[in-house]
Amino acid sequence: MPYGVGAFMLFGLGSLPAGRLGDLWGRRPMMLIFFFGMVRAFMRKEKAANNPWGPGATTLEWTLSSPPPFHQFEVLPRVQ
C-alpha cells in the first residue's frame, strides 16, 4: 500500500472526532481552542527544528536549515 493511502486513511479517521466535537461544542468554543493554540505557539517563540521528521526525511527540502536562507543553494542540486 503506498504511503499516501495510509496517510489519507489516518486523516479521514482523525477528522471524524474533530467533526463530532465541532457538532457538539459549536463554532465559538472550537474557535477559542484554535486561537488559544495560536497565541500559545506565538508566545513560546520556539524555532522549528531543521528536520522535524527525523533521519528518514532525506528529500531536498529537509537538507536546508530552518528558516531557509534567501539563496538556498549555491549550485542547483542534481535531482534524480
Protein backbone atom coordinates (compact mmCIF):
# COMPACT_ATOMS: atom_id res chain seq x y z
CA MET A 1 0.00 0.00 0.00
CA PRO A 2 1.51 3.38 -0.95
CA TYR A 3 2.24 5.81 1.89
CA GLY A 4 -0.30 8.28 0.53
CA VAL A 5 -3.17 5.83 1.01
CA GLY A 6 -2.32 5.24 4.67
CA ALA A 7 -1.94 8.96 5.33
CA PHE A 8 -5.26 9.62 3.64
CA MET A 9 -6.96 7.00 5.79
CA LEU A 10 -5.45 8.39 9.01
CA PHE A 11 -6.52 11.91 8.06
CA GLY A 12 -10.06 10.65 7.47
CA LEU A 13 -10.15 8.80 10.78
CA GLY A 14 -8.81 11.85 12.61
CA SER A 15 -11.41 14.13 11.06
CA LEU A 16 -14.29 12.10 12.47
CA PRO A 17 -13.74 13.02 16.15
CA ALA A 18 -12.86 16.60 15.20
CA GLY A 19 -16.12 16.93 13.27
CA ARG A 20 -18.08 15.39 16.13
CA LEU A 21 -16.57 17.81 18.64
CA GLY A 22 -17.43 20.66 16.31
CA ASP A 23 -21.02 19.45 16.21
CA LEU A 24 -21.24 19.11 19.98
CA TRP A 25 -19.43 22.27 21.03
CA GLY A 26 -20.37 24.65 18.23
CA ARG A 27 -18.30 27.25 16.45
CA ARG A 28 -17.36 29.60 19.28
CA PRO A 29 -15.66 27.09 21.63
CA MET A 30 -13.80 25.48 18.74
CA MET A 31 -12.55 28.90 17.62
CA LEU A 32 -11.43 29.63 21.20
CA ILE A 33 -9.39 26.41 21.21
CA PHE A 34 -7.86 27.33 17.85
CA PHE A 35 -6.90 30.84 18.91
CA PHE A 36 -5.62 29.60 22.27
CA GLY A 37 -3.26 27.30 20.38
CA MET A 38 -2.19 30.11 18.05
CA VAL A 39 -1.45 32.51 20.93
CA ARG A 40 0.37 29.81 22.88
CA ALA A 41 2.57 28.96 19.90
CA PHE A 42 3.29 32.65 19.30
CA MET A 43 4.17 33.31 22.94
CA ARG A 44 6.55 30.32 23.22
CA LYS A 45 8.67 31.61 20.32
CA GLU A 46 10.20 28.20 19.71
CA LYS A 47 12.04 27.84 16.45
CA ALA A 48 11.28 24.87 14.27
CA ALA A 49 13.87 22.12 14.14
CA ASN A 50 15.93 21.76 10.99
CA ASN A 51 14.38 18.38 10.26
CA PRO A 52 11.37 17.64 12.47
CA TRP A 53 10.72 14.33 10.67
CA GLY A 54 13.97 12.71 11.77
CA PRO A 55 16.72 10.91 9.88
CA GLY A 56 14.31 9.23 7.47
CA ALA A 57 13.41 12.51 5.75
CA THR A 58 16.16 12.89 3.20
CA THR A 59 14.38 14.77 0.43
CA LEU A 60 15.70 18.06 -0.86
CA GLU A 61 13.58 20.41 1.25
CA TRP A 62 14.86 18.87 4.51
CA THR A 63 18.51 19.49 3.63
CA LEU A 64 18.05 23.22 4.33
CA SER A 65 18.31 24.92 7.68
CA SER A 66 15.26 26.49 9.32
CA PRO A 67 14.48 29.23 8.45
CA PRO A 68 15.94 28.71 4.98
CA PRO A 69 18.39 31.32 3.67
CA PHE A 70 17.40 33.64 0.84
CA HIS A 71 19.52 31.80 -1.73
CA GLN A 72 19.11 28.21 -0.67
CA PHE A 73 21.75 26.57 -2.83
CA GLU A 74 25.00 27.94 -4.28
CA VAL A 75 24.75 25.42 -7.11
CA LEU A 76 21.49 23.82 -8.20
CA PRO A 77 21.38 20.28 -6.83
CA ARG A 78 21.08 17.35 -9.20
CA VAL A 79 17.76 15.59 -8.75
CA GLN A 80 17.44 12.03 -10.00
